């Protein structure tokens, strides 16, 4: 179980590093900050009470929906990001399942930002 948590945290740290290395734009900065917040929540999960977890997940989901509104470009990736945030917000699960969902939200945010950035640069 502990090894799974360490693996998920490492995945989240890699996603955060990838987000920080995106071309510098307001959206890339906001996405990196959002992923950093997800990372902070993920690290704090084991010591939180159920109420604390719910409060932190509510805050991070609100921030995610705000970011989603800025990143939304009508593509399937935008819908997947919103679905991931919604799923995390209503999830009542073990710490390891919550951590897996947090990693999924972070991956989805980075994928959406990468797709947007690629289209903006004419790469897609």
Foldseek 3Di string as FASTA:
>chain_A
DVVLLVVLLVLLVVLLVVLVPDPDDPLSVLLSVLSVLLSVLLVCVVVDDPVRNLVSLVVSLVSQVVSLVVLDPPDVLSVQLNVLSVCLNPDDDDSSVNSVSSSSNSVSSSVSVVVVVCVVVVND
